[in-house]
Amino acid sequence: MEYHWFEELPPSCPPFDSVECDGTYFRVSHGNPAESEDFFSQKRLAPNKVFKGEGIDDCIVRAVSVFALLEDAKRLLKLPKFKHANIAVVSLRPMDGKIKKTFKNSHYSWWRSKAFDIKNAKTIKL
């Protein structure tokens, strides 16, 4: 499948071991309902920030963090920056991009394609 990425990606990104999206995931969102901006990468949100840490590279910072388990997404709501945030559930299809299991818990990195329709994201009541 040929993708048109939502944001510019570096060479070899998404990584070769990423797979087509196919499943339901959870994402912390500030909008209610969720908005496109709730599905921006860290790099897009803070283009001048230098991201450091184990497993963090130029490709990972251009991915959107999602979780396979609701409980893992809910843990983020305890952080001050997410104090008034919500959780959006989204069913990702192959046309929505590529995804890879990364980091701890049920965290996945999702490289969003332009085909993703924000209307597929639904804010859930907690």
PDB file of N, CA and C in Angstrom:
ATOM      1  N   MET A   1       0.849  -1.178   0.000  1.00  0.00           N
ATOM      2  CA  MET A   1       0.000   0.000   0.000  1.00  0.00           C
ATOM      3  C   MET A   1       0.895   1.242   0.000  1.00  0.00           C
ATOM      4  N   GLU A   2       0.516   2.213  -0.794  1.00  0.00           N
ATOM      5  CA  GLU A   2       1.259   3.478  -0.834  1.00  0.00           C
ATOM      6  C   GLU A   2       0.583   4.469   0.105  1.00  0.00           C
ATOM      7  N   TYR A   3       1.402   5.130   0.914  1.00  0.00           N
ATOM      8  CA  TYR A   3       0.872   6.078   1.894  1.00  0.00           C
ATOM      9  C   TYR A   3       1.276   7.501   1.553  1.00  0.00           C
ATOM     10  N   HIS A   4       0.414   8.422   1.925  1.00  0.00           N
ATOM     11  CA  HIS A   4       0.724   9.849   1.904  1.00  0.00           C
ATOM     12  C   HIS A   4       0.694  10.261   3.371  1.00  0.00           C
ATOM     13  N   TRP A   5       1.886  10.540   3.898  1.00  0.00           N
ATOM     14  CA  TRP A   5       2.010  10.771   5.331  1.00  0.00           C
ATOM     15  C   TRP A   5       1.472  12.128   5.741  1.00  0.00           C
ATOM     16  N   PHE A   6       0.914  12.178   6.942  1.00  0.00           N
ATOM     17  CA  PHE A   6       0.332  13.391   7.491  1.00  0.00           C
ATOM     18  C   PHE A   6       1.399  14.454   7.723  1.00  0.00           C
ATOM     19  N   GLU A   7       2.610  14.020   8.063  1.00  0.00           N
ATOM     20  CA  GLU A   7       3.718  14.950   8.210  1.00  0.00           C
ATOM     21  C   GLU A   7       4.952  14.368   7.536  1.00  0.00           C
ATOM     22  N   GLU A   8       5.916  15.215   7.283  1.00  0.00           N
ATOM     23  CA  GLU A   8       7.135  14.778   6.608  1.00  0.00           C
ATOM     24  C   GLU A   8       7.905  13.817   7.504  1.00  0.00           C
ATOM     25  N   LEU A   9       8.308  12.692   6.933  1.00  0.00           N
ATOM     26  CA  LEU A   9       9.047  11.681   7.677  1.00  0.00           C
ATOM     27  C   LEU A   9      10.470  11.572   7.143  1.00  0.00           C
ATOM     28  N   PRO A  10      11.424  11.244   8.021  1.00  0.00           N
ATOM     29  CA  PRO A  10      12.801  11.058   7.565  1.00  0.00           C
ATOM     30  C   PRO A  10      12.931   9.756   6.764  1.00  0.00           C
ATOM     31  N   PRO A  11      14.055   9.569   6.073  1.00  0.00           N
ATOM     32  CA  PRO A  11      14.270   8.310   5.346  1.00  0.00           C
ATOM     33  C   PRO A  11      14.152   7.108   6.289  1.00  0.00           C
ATOM     34  N   SER A  12      13.728   5.996   5.772  1.00  0.00           N
ATOM     35  CA  SER A  12      13.554   4.751   6.535  1.00  0.00           C
ATOM     36  C   SER A  12      12.532   4.888   7.659  1.00  0.00           C
ATOM     37  N   CYS A  13      11.583   5.737   7.467  1.00  0.00           N
ATOM     38  CA  CYS A  13      10.529   5.933   8.458  1.00  0.00           C
ATOM     39  C   CYS A  13       9.191   5.922   7.731  1.00  0.00           C
ATOM     40  N   PRO A  14       8.226   5.162   8.216  1.00  0.00           N
ATOM     41  CA  PRO A  14       8.246   4.282   9.370  1.00  0.00           C
ATOM     42  C   PRO A  14       9.283   3.161   9.215  1.00  0.00           C
ATOM     43  N   PRO A  15       9.708   2.578  10.347  1.00  0.00           N
ATOM     44  CA  PRO A  15      10.723   1.525  10.286  1.00  0.00           C
ATOM     45  C   PRO A  15      10.219   0.277   9.556  1.00  0.00           C
ATOM     46  N   PHE A  16      11.158  -0.504   9.073  1.00  0.00           N
ATOM     47  CA  PHE A  16      10.821  -1.691   8.280  1.00  0.00           C
ATOM     48  C   PHE A  16       9.973  -2.693   9.058  1.00  0.00           C
ATOM     49  N   ASP A  17      10.083  -2.699  10.393  1.00  0.00           N
ATOM     50  CA  ASP A  17       9.333  -3.671  11.186  1.00  0.00           C
ATOM     51  C   ASP A  17       7.975  -3.140  11.671  1.00  0.00           C
ATOM     52  N   SER A  18       7.558  -1.990  11.152  1.00  0.00           N
ATOM     53  CA  SER A  18       6.202  -1.511  11.448  1.00  0.00           C
ATOM     54  C   SER A  18       5.225  -2.272  10.551  1.00  0.00           C
ATOM     55  N   VAL A  19       3.964  -2.281  10.957  1.00  0.00           N
ATOM     56  CA  VAL A  19       2.945  -3.025  10.206  1.00  0.00           C
ATOM     57  C   VAL A  19       1.772  -2.106   9.882  1.00  0.00           C
ATOM     58  N   GLU A  20       0.938  -2.526   8.948  1.00  0.00           N
ATOM     59  CA  GLU A  20      -0.266  -1.758   8.640  1.00  0.00           C
ATOM     60  C   GLU A  20      -1.169  -1.714   9.865  1.00  0.00           C
ATOM     61  N   CYS A  21      -1.810  -0.599  10.068  1.00  0.00           N
ATOM     62  CA  CYS A  21      -2.746  -0.451  11.187  1.00  0.00           C
ATOM     63  C   CYS A  21      -3.915  -1.408  11.012  1.00  0.00           C
ATOM     64  N   ASP A  22      -4.361  -1.958  12.125  1.00  0.00           N
ATOM     65  CA  ASP A  22      -5.536  -2.820  12.106  1.00  0.00           C
ATOM     66  C   ASP A  22      -5.916  -3.131  13.543  1.00  0.00           C
ATOM     67  N   GLY A  23      -6.693  -2.256  14.158  1.00  0.00           N
ATOM     68  CA  GLY A  23      -7.091  -2.510  15.535  1.00  0.00           C
ATOM     69  C   GLY A  23      -7.638  -1.274  16.210  1.00  0.00           C
ATOM     70  N   THR A  24      -8.048  -1.458  17.449  1.00  0.00           N
ATOM     71  CA  THR A  24      -8.609  -0.381  18.254  1.00  0.00           C
ATOM     72  C   THR A  24      -7.570   0.084  19.261  1.00  0.00           C
ATOM     73  N   TYR A  25      -7.418   1.407  19.360  1.00  0.00           N
ATOM     74  CA  TYR A  25      -6.407   2.003  20.238  1.00  0.00           C
ATOM     75  C   TYR A  25      -7.003   3.183  20.985  1.00  0.00           C
ATOM     76  N   PHE A  26      -6.275   3.595  22.026  1.00  0.00           N
ATOM     77  CA  PHE A  26      -6.708   4.701  22.876  1.00  0.00           C
ATOM     78  C   PHE A  26      -5.645   5.787  22.866  1.00  0.00           C
ATOM     79  N   ARG A  27      -6.099   7.042  22.884  1.00  0.00           N
ATOM     80  CA  ARG A  27      -5.202   8.194  22.826  1.00  0.00           C
ATOM     81  C   ARG A  27      -5.725   9.278  23.766  1.00  0.00           C
ATOM     82  N   VAL A  28      -4.822   9.879  24.538  1.00  0.00           N
ATOM     83  CA  VAL A  28      -5.199  11.025  25.358  1.00  0.00           C
ATOM     84  C   VAL A  28      -5.501  12.177  24.410  1.00  0.00           C
ATOM     85  N   SER A  29      -6.635  12.840  24.633  1.00  0.00           N
ATOM     86  CA  SER A  29      -7.017  13.960  23.772  1.00  0.00           C
ATOM     87  C   SER A  29      -7.479  15.129  24.633  1.00  0.00           C
ATOM     88  N   HIS A  30      -7.183  16.327  24.181  1.00  0.00           N
ATOM     89  CA  HIS A  30      -7.643  17.520  24.889  1.00  0.00           C
ATOM     90  C   HIS A  30      -9.015  17.945  24.388  1.00  0.00           C
ATOM     91  N   GLY A  31      -9.302  17.655  23.141  1.00  0.00           N
ATOM     92  CA  GLY A  31     -10.589  18.029  22.568  1.00  0.00           C
ATOM     93  C   GLY A  31     -11.694  17.064  22.955  1.00  0.00           C
ATOM     94  N   ASN A  32     -12.896  17.574  23.032  1.00  0.00           N
ATOM     95  CA  ASN A  32     -14.072  16.741  23.247  1.00  0.00           C
ATOM     96  C   ASN A  32     -15.217  17.364  22.445  1.00  0.00           C
ATOM     97  N   PRO A  33     -15.411  16.913  21.216  1.00  0.00           N
ATOM     98  CA  PRO A  33     -14.838  15.713  20.613  1.00  0.00           C
ATOM     99  C   PRO A  33     -13.363  15.891  20.239  1.00  0.00           C
ATOM    100  N   ALA A  34     -12.714  14.755  19.980  1.00  0.00           N
ATOM    101  CA  ALA A  34     -11.308  14.781  19.581  1.00  0.00           C
ATOM    102  C   ALA A  34     -11.154  15.558  18.276  1.00  0.00           C
ATOM    103  N   GLU A  35     -10.037  16.267  18.167  1.00  0.00           N
ATOM    104  CA  GLU A  35      -9.731  17.066  16.981  1.00  0.00           C
ATOM    105  C   GLU A  35      -8.451  16.546  16.342  1.00  0.00           C
ATOM    106  N   SER A  36      -8.192  16.963  15.121  1.00  0.00           N
ATOM    107  CA  SER A  36      -6.989  16.525  14.420  1.00  0.00           C
ATOM    108  C   SER A  36      -5.735  16.804  15.242  1.00  0.00           C
ATOM    109  N   GLU A  37      -5.700  17.957  15.932  1.00  0.00           N
ATOM    110  CA  GLU A  37      -4.538  18.338  16.728  1.00  0.00           C
ATOM    111  C   GLU A  37      -4.271  17.352  17.862  1.00  0.00           C
ATOM    112  N   ASP A  38      -5.276  16.613  18.277  1.00  0.00           N
ATOM    113  CA  ASP A  38      -5.089  15.599  19.314  1.00  0.00           C
ATOM    114  C   ASP A  38      -4.308  14.399  18.796  1.00  0.00           C
ATOM    115  N   PHE A  39      -4.100  14.346  17.501  1.00  0.00           N
ATOM    116  CA  PHE A  39      -3.383  13.237  16.879  1.00  0.00           C
ATOM    117  C   PHE A  39      -2.132  13.732  16.156  1.00  0.00           C
ATOM    118  N   PHE A  40      -1.489  14.747  16.714  1.00  0.00           N
ATOM    119  CA  PHE A  40      -0.214  15.253  16.194  1.00  0.00           C
ATOM    120  C   PHE A  40       0.929  14.554  16.921  1.00  0.00           C
ATOM    121  N   SER A  41       2.060  14.414  16.238  1.00  0.00           N
ATOM    122  CA  SER A  41       3.257  13.850  16.866  1.00  0.00           C
ATOM    123  C   SER A  41       3.888  14.874  17.804  1.00  0.00           C
ATOM    124  N   GLN A  42       4.781  14.390  18.670  1.00  0.00           N
ATOM    125  CA  GLN A  42       5.517  15.295  19.559  1.00  0.00           C
ATOM    126  C   GLN A  42       6.342  16.292  18.753  1.00  0.00           C
ATOM    127  N   LYS A  43       6.907  15.841  17.658  1.00  0.00           N
ATOM    128  CA  LYS A  43       7.734  16.725  16.824  1.00  0.00           C
ATOM    129  C   LYS A  43       6.889  17.847  16.220  1.00  0.00           C
ATOM    130  N   ARG A  44       5.698  17.521  15.804  1.00  0.00           N
ATOM    131  CA  ARG A  44       4.826  18.556  15.227  1.00  0.00           C
ATOM    132  C   ARG A  44       4.360  19.544  16.302  1.00  0.00           C
ATOM    133  N   LEU A  45       4.131  19.046  17.495  1.00  0.00           N
ATOM    134  CA  LEU A  45       3.692  19.905  18.591  1.00  0.00           C
ATOM    135  C   LEU A  45       4.809  20.809  19.111  1.00  0.00           C
ATOM    136  N   ALA A  46       6.046  20.304  19.071  1.00  0.00           N
ATOM    137  CA  ALA A  46       7.195  21.070  19.583  1.00  0.00           C
ATOM    138  C   ALA A  46       8.367  20.907  18.617  1.00  0.00           C
ATOM    139  N   PRO A  47       8.312  21.564  17.445  1.00  0.00           N
ATOM    140  CA  PRO A  47       9.310  21.335  16.391  1.00  0.00           C
ATOM    141  C   PRO A  47      10.748  21.681  16.771  1.00  0.00           C
ATOM    142  N   ASN A  48      10.953  22.569  17.723  1.00  0.00           N
ATOM    143  CA  ASN A  48      12.314  22.968  18.091  1.00  0.00           C
ATOM    144  C   ASN A  48      12.860  22.224  19.300  1.00  0.00           C
ATOM    145  N   LYS A  49      12.050  21.392  19.905  1.00  0.00           N
ATOM    146  CA  LYS A  49      12.477  20.650  21.088  1.00  0.00           C
ATOM    147  C   LYS A  49      13.405  19.511  20.679  1.00  0.00           C
ATOM    148  N   VAL A  50      14.419  19.257  21.521  1.00  0.00           N
ATOM    149  CA  VAL A  50      15.321  18.125  21.314  1.00  0.00           C
ATOM    150  C   VAL A  50      14.813  16.986  22.194  1.00  0.00           C
ATOM    151  N   PHE A  51      14.449  15.892  21.587  1.00  0.00           N
ATOM    152  CA  PHE A  51      13.914  14.744  22.310  1.00  0.00           C
ATOM    153  C   PHE A  51      15.037  13.755  22.565  1.00  0.00           C
ATOM    154  N   LYS A  52      15.156  13.319  23.820  1.00  0.00           N
ATOM    155  CA  LYS A  52      16.224  12.392  24.201  1.00  0.00           C
ATOM    156  C   LYS A  52      15.634  11.241  24.988  1.00  0.00           C
ATOM    157  N   GLY A  53      16.350  10.132  24.980  1.00  0.00           N
ATOM    158  CA  GLY A  53      15.949   8.978  25.768  1.00  0.00           C
ATOM    159  C   GLY A  53      16.163   7.698  24.994  1.00  0.00           C
ATOM    160  N   GLU A  54      16.128   6.605  25.718  1.00  0.00           N
ATOM    161  CA  GLU A  54      16.343   5.302  25.104  1.00  0.00           C
ATOM    162  C   GLU A  54      15.232   4.996  24.102  1.00  0.00           C
ATOM    163  N   GLY A  55      15.620   4.627  22.904  1.00  0.00           N
ATOM    164  CA  GLY A  55      14.657   4.266  21.867  1.00  0.00           C
ATOM    165  C   GLY A  55      14.043   5.440  21.130  1.00  0.00           C
ATOM    166  N   ILE A  56      14.455   6.661  21.476  1.00  0.00           N
ATOM    167  CA  ILE A  56      13.883   7.844  20.829  1.00  0.00           C
ATOM    168  C   ILE A  56      14.797   8.303  19.703  1.00  0.00           C
ATOM    169  N   ASP A  57      14.258   8.367  18.511  1.00  0.00           N
ATOM    170  CA  ASP A  57      15.020   8.846  17.359  1.00  0.00           C
ATOM    171  C   ASP A  57      14.124   9.769  16.533  1.00  0.00           C
ATOM    172  N   ASP A  58      14.650  10.225  15.411  1.00  0.00           N
ATOM    173  CA  ASP A  58      13.934  11.185  14.569  1.00  0.00           C
ATOM    174  C   ASP A  58      12.634  10.609  13.999  1.00  0.00           C
ATOM    175  N   CYS A  59      12.575   9.304  13.863  1.00  0.00           N
ATOM    176  CA  CYS A  59      11.361   8.662  13.350  1.00  0.00           C
ATOM    177  C   CYS A  59      10.303   8.537  14.452  1.00  0.00           C
ATOM    178  N   ILE A  60      10.714   8.083  15.614  1.00  0.00           N
ATOM    179  CA  ILE A  60       9.775   7.883  16.727  1.00  0.00           C
ATOM    180  C   ILE A  60       9.087   9.183  17.124  1.00  0.00           C
ATOM    181  N   VAL A  61       9.815  10.304  17.125  1.00  0.00           N
ATOM    182  CA  VAL A  61       9.200  11.566  17.555  1.00  0.00           C
ATOM    183  C   VAL A  61       8.173  12.076  16.544  1.00  0.00           C
ATOM    184  N   ARG A  62       8.128  11.470  15.375  1.00  0.00           N
ATOM    185  CA  ARG A  62       7.135  11.844  14.368  1.00  0.00           C
ATOM    186  C   ARG A  62       5.938  10.888  14.346  1.00  0.00           C
ATOM    187  N   ALA A  63       5.906   9.986  15.310  1.00  0.00           N
ATOM    188  CA  ALA A  63       4.784   9.059  15.451  1.00  0.00           C
ATOM    189  C   ALA A  63       3.819   9.589  16.506  1.00  0.00           C
ATOM    190  N   VAL A  64       2.606   9.102  16.449  1.00  0.00           N
ATOM    191  CA  VAL A  64       1.573   9.438  17.426  1.00  0.00           C
ATOM    192  C   VAL A  64       1.506   8.282  18.424  1.00  0.00           C
ATOM    193  N   SER A  65       1.557   8.592  19.711  1.00  0.00           N
ATOM    194  CA  SER A  65       1.474   7.562  20.749  1.00  0.00           C
ATOM    195  C   SER A  65       0.029   7.141  20.960  1.00  0.00           C
ATOM    196  N   VAL A  66      -0.194   5.847  20.895  1.00  0.00           N
ATOM    197  CA  VAL A  66      -1.505   5.272  21.189  1.00  0.00           C
ATOM    198  C   VAL A  66      -1.285   4.048  22.071  1.00  0.00           C
ATOM    199  N   PHE A  67      -2.349   3.601  22.712  1.00  0.00           N
ATOM    200  CA  PHE A  67      -2.274   2.450  23.603  1.00  0.00           C
ATOM    201  C   PHE A  67      -3.315   1.419  23.207  1.00  0.00           C
ATOM    202  N   ALA A  68      -2.932   0.152  23.321  1.00  0.00           N
ATOM    203  CA  ALA A  68      -3.867  -0.928  23.029  1.00  0.00           C
ATOM    204  C   ALA A  68      -4.831  -1.155  24.192  1.00  0.00           C
ATOM    205  N   LEU A  69      -4.419  -0.763  25.406  1.00  0.00           N
ATOM    206  CA  LEU A  69      -5.255  -0.954  26.591  1.00  0.00           C
ATOM    207  C   LEU A  69      -5.703   0.381  27.171  1.00  0.00           C
ATOM    208  N   LEU A  70      -6.975   0.491  27.462  1.00  0.00           N
ATOM    209  CA  LEU A  70      -7.536   1.706  28.040  1.00  0.00           C
ATOM    210  C   LEU A  70      -6.829   2.077  29.343  1.00  0.00           C
ATOM    211  N   GLU A  71      -6.529   1.097  30.186  1.00  0.00           N
ATOM    212  CA  GLU A  71      -5.903   1.361  31.482  1.00  0.00           C
ATOM    213  C   GLU A  71      -4.575   2.100  31.328  1.00  0.00           C
ATOM    214  N   ASP A  72      -3.807   1.757  30.309  1.00  0.00           N
ATOM    215  CA  ASP A  72      -2.513   2.418  30.093  1.00  0.00           C
ATOM    216  C   ASP A  72      -2.699   3.871  29.670  1.00  0.00           C
ATOM    217  N   ALA A  73      -3.683   4.147  28.852  1.00  0.00           N
ATOM    218  CA  ALA A  73      -3.965   5.537  28.463  1.00  0.00           C
ATOM    219  C   ALA A  73      -4.472   6.327  29.664  1.00  0.00           C
ATOM    220  N   LYS A  74      -5.301   5.714  30.489  1.00  0.00           N
ATOM    221  CA  LYS A  74      -5.856   6.397  31.660  1.00  0.00           C
ATOM    222  C   LYS A  74      -4.765   6.799  32.649  1.00  0.00           C
ATOM    223  N   ARG A  75      -3.680   6.044  32.722  1.00  0.00           N
ATOM    224  CA  ARG A  75      -2.578   6.392  33.636  1.00  0.00           C
ATOM    225  C   ARG A  75      -2.002   7.769  33.321  1.00  0.00           C
ATOM    226  N   LEU A  76      -2.002   8.138  32.055  1.00  0.00           N
ATOM    227  CA  LEU A  76      -1.457   9.443  31.669  1.00  0.00           C
ATOM    228  C   LEU A  76      -2.296  10.594  32.204  1.00  0.00           C
ATOM    229  N   LEU A  77      -3.557  10.352  32.471  1.00  0.00           N
ATOM    230  CA  LEU A  77      -4.435  11.413  32.970  1.00  0.00           C
ATOM    231  C   LEU A  77      -4.021  11.895  34.360  1.00  0.00           C
ATOM    232  N   LYS A  78      -3.155  11.143  35.030  1.00  0.00           N
ATOM    233  CA  LYS A  78      -2.652  11.542  36.348  1.00  0.00           C
ATOM    234  C   LYS A  78      -1.545  12.586  36.246  1.00  0.00           C
ATOM    235  N   LEU A  79      -0.974  12.750  35.062  1.00  0.00           N
ATOM    236  CA  LEU A  79       0.086  13.740  34.868  1.00  0.00           C
ATOM    237  C   LEU A  79      -0.526  15.139  34.797  1.00  0.00           C
ATOM    238  N   PRO A  80       0.164  16.143  35.371  1.00  0.00           N
ATOM    239  CA  PRO A  80      -0.382  17.509  35.380  1.00  0.00           C
ATOM    240  C   PRO A  80      -0.785  18.034  34.000  1.00  0.00           C
ATOM    241  N   LYS A  81       0.001  17.741  32.969  1.00  0.00           N
ATOM    242  CA  LYS A  81      -0.328  18.295  31.646  1.00  0.00           C
ATOM    243  C   LYS A  81      -1.593  17.680  31.034  1.00  0.00           C
ATOM    244  N   PHE A  82      -2.039  16.564  31.593  1.00  0.00           N
ATOM    245  CA  PHE A  82      -3.253  15.910  31.093  1.00  0.00           C
ATOM    246  C   PHE A  82      -4.400  15.968  32.104  1.00  0.00           C
ATOM    247  N   LYS A  83      -4.290  16.876  33.076  1.00  0.00           N
ATOM    248  CA  LYS A  83      -5.264  16.961  34.170  1.00  0.00           C
ATOM    249  C   LYS A  83      -6.708  17.075  33.671  1.00  0.00           C
ATOM    250  N   HIS A  84      -6.934  17.842  32.628  1.00  0.00           N
ATOM    251  CA  HIS A  84      -8.297  18.053  32.119  1.00  0.00           C
ATOM    252  C   HIS A  84      -8.516  17.372  30.765  1.00  0.00           C
ATOM    253  N   ALA A  85      -7.700  16.374  30.471  1.00  0.00           N
ATOM    254  CA  ALA A  85      -7.780  15.698  29.175  1.00  0.00           C
ATOM    255  C   ALA A  85      -8.833  14.588  29.191  1.00  0.00           C
ATOM    256  N   ASN A  86      -9.066  14.046  28.025  1.00  0.00           N
ATOM    257  CA  ASN A  86     -10.019  12.957  27.808  1.00  0.00           C
ATOM    258  C   ASN A  86      -9.281  11.783  27.176  1.00  0.00           C
ATOM    259  N   ILE A  87     -10.005  10.724  26.953  1.00  0.00           N
ATOM    260  CA  ILE A  87      -9.482   9.576  26.214  1.00  0.00           C
ATOM    261  C   ILE A  87     -10.346   9.395  24.968  1.00  0.00           C
ATOM    262  N   ALA A  88      -9.684   9.276  23.831  1.00  0.00           N
ATOM    263  CA  ALA A  88     -10.384   8.988  22.577  1.00  0.00           C
ATOM    264  C   ALA A  88     -10.079   7.549  22.176  1.00  0.00           C
ATOM    265  N   VAL A  89     -11.073   6.875  21.671  1.00  0.00           N
ATOM    266  CA  VAL A  89     -10.887   5.533  21.132  1.00  0.00           C
ATOM    267  C   VAL A  89     -10.963   5.650  19.619  1.00  0.00           C
ATOM    268  N   VAL A  90     -10.073   4.932  18.943  1.00  0.00           N
ATOM    269  CA  VAL A  90     -10.031   5.010  17.489  1.00  0.00           C
ATOM    270  C   VAL A  90      -9.754   3.624  16.916  1.00  0.00           C
ATOM    271  N   SER A  91     -10.513   3.274  15.903  1.00  0.00           N
ATOM    272  CA  SER A  91     -10.282   2.022  15.181  1.00  0.00           C
ATOM    273  C   SER A  91      -9.450   2.353  13.957  1.00  0.00           C
ATOM    274  N   LEU A  92      -8.208   1.892  13.972  1.00  0.00           N
ATOM    275  CA  LEU A  92      -7.292   2.190  12.868  1.00  0.00           C
ATOM    276  C   LEU A  92      -7.349   1.086  11.824  1.00  0.00           C
ATOM    277  N   ARG A  93      -7.399   1.511  10.568  1.00  0.00           N
ATOM    278  CA  ARG A  93      -7.462   0.601   9.428  1.00  0.00           C
ATOM    279  C   ARG A  93      -6.143   0.668   8.663  1.00  0.00           C
ATOM    280  N   PRO A  94      -5.866  -0.289   7.800  1.00  0.00           N
ATOM    281  CA  PRO A  94      -4.607  -0.267   7.057  1.00  0.00           C
ATOM    282  C   PRO A  94      -4.334   1.059   6.344  1.00  0.00           C
ATOM    283  N   MET A  95      -5.358   1.705   5.813  1.00  0.00           N
ATOM    284  CA  MET A  95      -5.155   2.964   5.091  1.00  0.00           C
ATOM    285  C   MET A  95      -4.745   4.120   6.013  1.00  0.00           C
ATOM    286  N   ASP A  96      -4.910   3.940   7.349  1.00  0.00           N
ATOM    287  CA  ASP A  96      -4.612   5.006   8.307  1.00  0.00           C
ATOM    288  C   ASP A  96      -3.128   5.147   8.616  1.00  0.00           C
ATOM    289  N   GLY A  97      -2.307   4.218   8.140  1.00  0.00           N
ATOM    290  CA  GLY A  97      -0.869   4.340   8.345  1.00  0.00           C
ATOM    291  C   GLY A  97      -0.234   3.056   8.811  1.00  0.00           C
ATOM    292  N   LYS A  98       0.914   3.221   9.469  1.00  0.00           N
ATOM    293  CA  LYS A  98       1.664   2.068   9.971  1.00  0.00           C
ATOM    294  C   LYS A  98       1.863   2.231  11.464  1.00  0.00           C
ATOM    295  N   ILE A  99       2.087   1.102  12.134  1.00  0.00           N
ATOM    296  CA  ILE A  99       2.153   1.102  13.594  1.00  0.00           C
ATOM    297  C   ILE A  99       3.202   0.102  14.060  1.00  0.00           C
ATOM    298  N   LYS A 100       3.753   0.371  15.244  1.00  0.00           N
ATOM    299  CA  LYS A 100       4.774  -0.516  15.803  1.00  0.00           C
ATOM    300  C   LYS A 100       4.677  -0.493  17.322  1.00  0.00           C
ATOM    301  N   LYS A 101       4.793  -1.662  17.947  1.00  0.00           N
ATOM    302  CA  LYS A 101       4.832  -1.760  19.409  1.00  0.00           C
ATOM    303  C   LYS A 101       6.149  -1.154  19.868  1.00  0.00           C
ATOM    304  N   THR A 102       6.068  -0.180  20.770  1.00  0.00           N
ATOM    305  CA  THR A 102       7.257   0.503  21.274  1.00  0.00           C
ATOM    306  C   THR A 102       7.120   0.754  22.773  1.00  0.00           C
ATOM    307  N   PHE A 103       8.240   0.854  23.422  1.00  0.00           N
ATOM    308  CA  PHE A 103       8.317   1.220  24.835  1.00  0.00           C
ATOM    309  C   PHE A 103       7.550   0.243  25.729  1.00  0.00           C
ATOM    310  N   LYS A 104       7.013   0.752  26.835  1.00  0.00           N
ATOM    311  CA  LYS A 104       6.421  -0.109  27.861  1.00  0.00           C
ATOM    312  C   LYS A 104       4.911  -0.246  27.693  1.00  0.00           C
ATOM    313  N   ASN A 105       4.376  -1.106  28.553  1.00  0.00           N
ATOM    314  CA  ASN A 105       2.936  -1.338  28.610  1.00  0.00           C
ATOM    315  C   ASN A 105       2.391  -1.665  27.220  1.00  0.00           C
ATOM    316  N   SER A 106       1.247  -1.108  26.902  1.00  0.00           N
ATOM    317  CA  SER A 106       0.622  -1.391  25.599  1.00  0.00           C
ATOM    318  C   SER A 106       0.825  -0.225  24.638  1.00  0.00           C
ATOM    319  N   HIS A 107       1.958   0.478  24.773  1.00  0.00           N
ATOM    320  CA  HIS A 107       2.263   1.657  23.950  1.00  0.00           C
ATOM    321  C   HIS A 107       2.627   1.249  22.525  1.00  0.00           C
ATOM    322  N   TYR A 108       2.050   1.958  21.568  1.00  0.00           N
ATOM    323  CA  TYR A 108       2.374   1.781  20.156  1.00  0.00           C
ATOM    324  C   TYR A 108       2.704   3.136  19.557  1.00  0.00           C
ATOM    325  N   SER A 109       3.573   3.135  18.566  1.00  0.00           N
ATOM    326  CA  SER A 109       3.883   4.334  17.789  1.00  0.00           C
ATOM    327  C   SER A 109       3.182   4.195  16.445  1.00  0.00           C
ATOM    328  N   TRP A 110       2.393   5.202  16.112  1.00  0.00           N
ATOM    329  CA  TRP A 110       1.576   5.180  14.895  1.00  0.00           C
ATOM    330  C   TRP A 110       1.998   6.322  13.981  1.00  0.00           C
ATOM    331  N   TRP A 111       2.387   5.971  12.750  1.00  0.00           N
ATOM    332  CA  TRP A 111       2.712   6.971  11.737  1.00  0.00           C
ATOM    333  C   TRP A 111       1.440   7.201  10.928  1.00  0.00           C
ATOM    334  N   ARG A 112       0.869   8.358  11.145  1.00  0.00           N
ATOM    335  CA  ARG A 112      -0.451   8.713  10.620  1.00  0.00           C
ATOM    336  C   ARG A 112      -0.394   9.069   9.138  1.00  0.00           C
ATOM    337  N   SER A 113      -1.301   8.496   8.386  1.00  0.00           N
ATOM    338  CA  SER A 113      -1.422   8.866   6.973  1.00  0.00           C
ATOM    339  C   SER A 113      -2.472   9.967   6.834  1.00  0.00           C
ATOM    340  N   LYS A 114      -2.472  10.616   5.696  1.00  0.00           N
ATOM    341  CA  LYS A 114      -3.471  11.657   5.425  1.00  0.00           C
ATOM    342  C   LYS A 114      -4.871  11.070   5.285  1.00  0.00           C
ATOM    343  N   ALA A 115      -4.966   9.758   5.082  1.00  0.00           N
ATOM    344  CA  ALA A 115      -6.270   9.113   4.910  1.00  0.00           C
ATOM    345  C   ALA A 115      -7.040   8.983   6.224  1.00  0.00           C
ATOM    346  N   PHE A 116      -6.360   9.125   7.361  1.00  0.00           N
ATOM    347  CA  PHE A 116      -7.046   9.002   8.655  1.00  0.00           C
ATOM    348  C   PHE A 116      -8.134  10.059   8.781  1.00  0.00           C
ATOM    349  N   ASP A 117      -9.324   9.624   9.150  1.00  0.00           N
ATOM    350  CA  ASP A 117     -10.471  10.520   9.312  1.00  0.00           C
ATOM    351  C   ASP A 117     -10.728  10.730  10.800  1.00  0.00           C
ATOM    352  N   ILE A 118     -10.559  11.955  11.259  1.00  0.00           N
ATOM    353  CA  ILE A 118     -10.719  12.272  12.678  1.00  0.00           C
ATOM    354  C   ILE A 118     -12.115  11.917  13.183  1.00  0.00           C
ATOM    355  N   LYS A 119     -13.086  11.838  12.302  1.00  0.00           N
ATOM    356  CA  LYS A 119     -14.447  11.473  12.719  1.00  0.00           C
ATOM    357  C   LYS A 119     -14.516  10.044  13.253  1.00  0.00           C
ATOM    358  N   ASN A 120     -13.477   9.242  12.977  1.00  0.00           N
ATOM    359  CA  ASN A 120     -13.437   7.876  13.496  1.00  0.00           C
ATOM    360  C   ASN A 120     -13.009   7.827  14.959  1.00  0.00           C
ATOM    361  N   ALA A 121     -12.549   8.948  15.510  1.00  0.00           N
ATOM    362  CA  ALA A 121     -12.136   9.008  16.913  1.00  0.00           C
ATOM    363  C   ALA A 121     -13.321   9.432  17.767  1.00  0.00           C
ATOM    364  N   LYS A 122     -13.590   8.679  18.789  1.00  0.00           N
ATOM    365  CA  LYS A 122     -14.713   8.972  19.686  1.00  0.00           C
ATOM    366  C   LYS A 122     -14.202   9.144  21.109  1.00  0.00           C
ATOM    367  N   THR A 123     -14.560  10.260  21.731  1.00  0.00           N
ATOM    368  CA  THR A 123     -14.207  10.476  23.130  1.00  0.00           C
ATOM    369  C   THR A 123     -15.087   9.571  23.983  1.00  0.00           C
ATOM    370  N   ILE A 124     -14.458   8.908  24.961  1.00  0.00           N
ATOM    371  CA  ILE A 124     -15.225   7.984  25.794  1.00  0.00           C
ATOM    372  C   ILE A 124     -15.425   8.567  27.189  1.00  0.00           C
ATOM    373  N   LYS A 125     -16.506   8.182  27.815  1.00  0.00           N
ATOM    374  CA  LYS A 125     -16.792   8.603  29.190  1.00  0.00           C
ATOM    375  C   LYS A 125     -16.010   7.704  30.131  1.00  0.00           C
ATOM    376  N   LEU A 126     -15.380   8.317  31.117  1.00  0.00           N
ATOM    377  CA  LEU A 126     -14.594   7.543  32.085  1.00  0.00           C
ATOM    378  C   LEU A 126     -15.321   7.448  33.412  1.00  0.00           C
TER     379      LEU A 126
END
